[in-house]
Amino acid sequence: MQAGISGGFVSVTLGYVLTHRGFSVPQVAGLVGLNLLPSAWKFLVGPIIDVSLTPRSWYLGMVGLLTLAMLGVAITPLVPGSMPILSLLAFLIGAASNAAGSAKTAALIHTVPPKGRGAVAGWSQA
């Protein structure tokens, strides 16, 4: 759920609002790109989650970071001069969303018996 909300927020909602507030299309595309960038490195997150904190701790921490980053967007003035902070927040939203998704998957593996993993994986991707 967090991936759909955060990705849609940056690419659709924020993109629409920013283009109507004086941001250029290339600027908005840059924000969307920064939001998607952590997806390219998602394969590195799984092993980090596996060898460090529990999946639950990672999930709660990343959802907390995701919430703070989205609140940061809410309190940041939406003017072209705010582009550096909006860029950082867009990246953090993408990174936190990806890490939360990986933590959720790790939690599923630890809590679902092998026989039910296919059904749960299908539900998770739906």
Protein backbone atom coordinates (compact mmCIF):
# COMPACT_ATOMS: atom_id res chain seq x y z
CA MET A 1 0.00 0.00 0.00
CA GLN A 2 2.75 2.47 0.89
CA ALA A 3 4.33 2.17 -2.58
CA GLY A 4 1.13 3.09 -4.41
CA ILE A 5 0.37 6.03 -2.17
CA SER A 6 3.88 7.47 -2.18
CA GLY A 7 4.58 6.91 -5.87
CA GLY A 8 1.20 8.24 -6.92
CA PHE A 9 1.53 11.21 -4.63
CA VAL A 10 4.87 12.32 -6.09
CA SER A 11 4.21 11.49 -9.75
CA VAL A 12 0.54 12.46 -10.06
CA THR A 13 -0.63 14.73 -7.26
CA LEU A 14 2.56 16.64 -6.58
CA GLY A 15 3.42 16.73 -10.27
CA TYR A 16 0.05 18.27 -11.12
CA VAL A 17 0.21 20.85 -8.35
CA LEU A 18 3.80 21.86 -9.10
CA THR A 19 3.19 22.43 -12.81
CA HIS A 20 0.37 24.78 -11.82
CA ARG A 21 2.66 26.61 -9.39
CA GLY A 22 5.34 27.63 -11.88
CA PHE A 23 7.54 24.53 -11.96
CA SER A 24 8.65 23.36 -15.39
CA VAL A 25 7.89 19.89 -16.71
CA PRO A 26 11.63 18.95 -16.61
CA GLN A 27 11.75 19.97 -12.93
CA VAL A 28 8.75 17.79 -12.12
CA ALA A 29 10.22 14.94 -14.15
CA GLY A 30 13.40 15.27 -12.10
CA LEU A 31 11.42 14.92 -8.87
CA VAL A 32 9.64 11.85 -10.20
CA GLY A 33 13.00 10.41 -11.26
CA LEU A 34 14.46 10.99 -7.80
CA ASN A 35 11.43 9.28 -6.29
CA LEU A 36 11.94 6.26 -8.55
CA LEU A 37 15.74 6.09 -8.18
CA PRO A 38 15.71 3.94 -5.01
CA SER A 39 13.81 1.26 -6.96
CA ALA A 40 16.94 0.65 -9.04
CA TRP A 41 18.88 -0.25 -5.89
CA LYS A 42 16.12 -2.20 -4.14
CA PHE A 43 18.07 -5.44 -4.45
CA LEU A 44 20.55 -4.06 -1.89
CA VAL A 45 17.90 -3.40 0.75
CA GLY A 46 16.83 -7.03 1.31
CA PRO A 47 20.17 -8.27 2.59
CA ILE A 48 20.50 -5.25 4.88
CA ILE A 49 17.09 -6.00 6.38
CA ASP A 50 17.99 -9.68 6.75
CA VAL A 51 21.19 -9.08 8.74
CA SER A 52 20.18 -6.14 10.90
CA LEU A 53 16.97 -5.12 12.65
CA THR A 54 13.78 -7.17 12.52
CA PRO A 55 11.46 -6.76 9.53
CA ARG A 56 8.89 -5.23 11.88
CA SER A 57 11.38 -2.61 13.11
CA TRP A 58 12.40 -1.77 9.55
CA TYR A 59 8.80 -1.51 8.42
CA LEU A 60 7.75 0.76 11.27
CA GLY A 61 10.86 2.90 10.90
CA MET A 62 10.44 3.31 7.16
CA VAL A 63 6.73 4.06 7.40
CA GLY A 64 7.64 6.67 10.01
CA LEU A 65 10.26 8.18 7.69
CA LEU A 66 7.81 8.07 4.80
CA THR A 67 5.22 9.90 6.90
CA LEU A 68 7.72 12.56 7.96
CA ALA A 69 8.90 13.09 4.38
CA MET A 70 5.33 13.47 3.13
CA LEU A 71 4.60 15.90 5.96
CA GLY A 72 7.74 17.74 4.92
CA VAL A 73 6.27 18.20 1.46
CA ALA A 74 3.06 19.46 3.06
CA ILE A 75 4.86 22.23 4.96
CA THR A 76 7.35 23.17 2.25
CA PRO A 77 6.36 26.21 0.20
CA LEU A 78 5.58 25.00 -3.33
CA VAL A 79 7.64 27.59 -5.16
CA PRO A 80 10.49 26.97 -7.63
CA GLY A 81 13.02 28.11 -5.02
CA SER A 82 12.08 25.10 -2.86
CA MET A 83 13.33 22.64 -5.47
CA PRO A 84 16.35 21.40 -3.42
CA ILE A 85 14.26 20.45 -0.39
CA LEU A 86 11.50 18.97 -2.54
CA SER A 87 14.13 16.91 -4.37
CA LEU A 88 15.46 15.52 -1.09
CA LEU A 89 11.96 14.76 0.14
CA ALA A 90 10.99 13.02 -3.13
CA PHE A 91 14.09 10.82 -2.84
CA LEU A 92 13.36 10.03 0.83
CA ILE A 93 9.76 9.14 0.00
CA GLY A 94 10.97 6.68 -2.65
CA ALA A 95 13.69 5.19 -0.45
CA ALA A 96 11.44 4.75 2.58
CA SER A 97 8.67 3.26 0.47
CA ASN A 98 11.01 0.73 -1.12
CA ALA A 99 12.56 -0.28 2.20
CA ALA A 100 9.13 -0.63 3.81
CA GLY A 101 8.05 -2.89 0.95
CA SER A 102 11.12 -5.08 1.35
CA ALA A 103 10.55 -5.28 5.11
CA LYS A 104 6.93 -6.28 4.52
CA THR A 105 8.05 -9.07 2.20
CA ALA A 106 10.61 -10.27 4.76
CA ALA A 107 7.93 -10.32 7.45
CA LEU A 108 5.67 -12.40 5.20
CA ILE A 109 8.41 -14.98 4.68
CA HIS A 110 8.95 -15.27 8.44
CA THR A 111 5.29 -15.55 9.37
CA VAL A 112 3.63 -17.58 6.59
CA PRO A 113 4.11 -21.36 6.37
CA PRO A 114 5.79 -22.53 3.14
CA LYS A 115 2.54 -24.05 1.85
CA GLY A 116 0.73 -20.70 1.91
CA ARG A 117 3.49 -18.45 0.59
CA GLY A 118 2.34 -18.54 -3.03
CA ALA A 119 -1.14 -17.32 -2.15
CA VAL A 120 0.20 -14.65 0.20
CA ALA A 121 2.74 -13.48 -2.39
CA GLY A 122 -0.02 -13.16 -4.99
CA TRP A 123 -2.19 -11.23 -2.55
CA SER A 124 0.74 -8.97 -1.68
CA GLN A 125 1.37 -8.11 -5.33
CA ALA A 126 -2.30 -7.49 -6.14
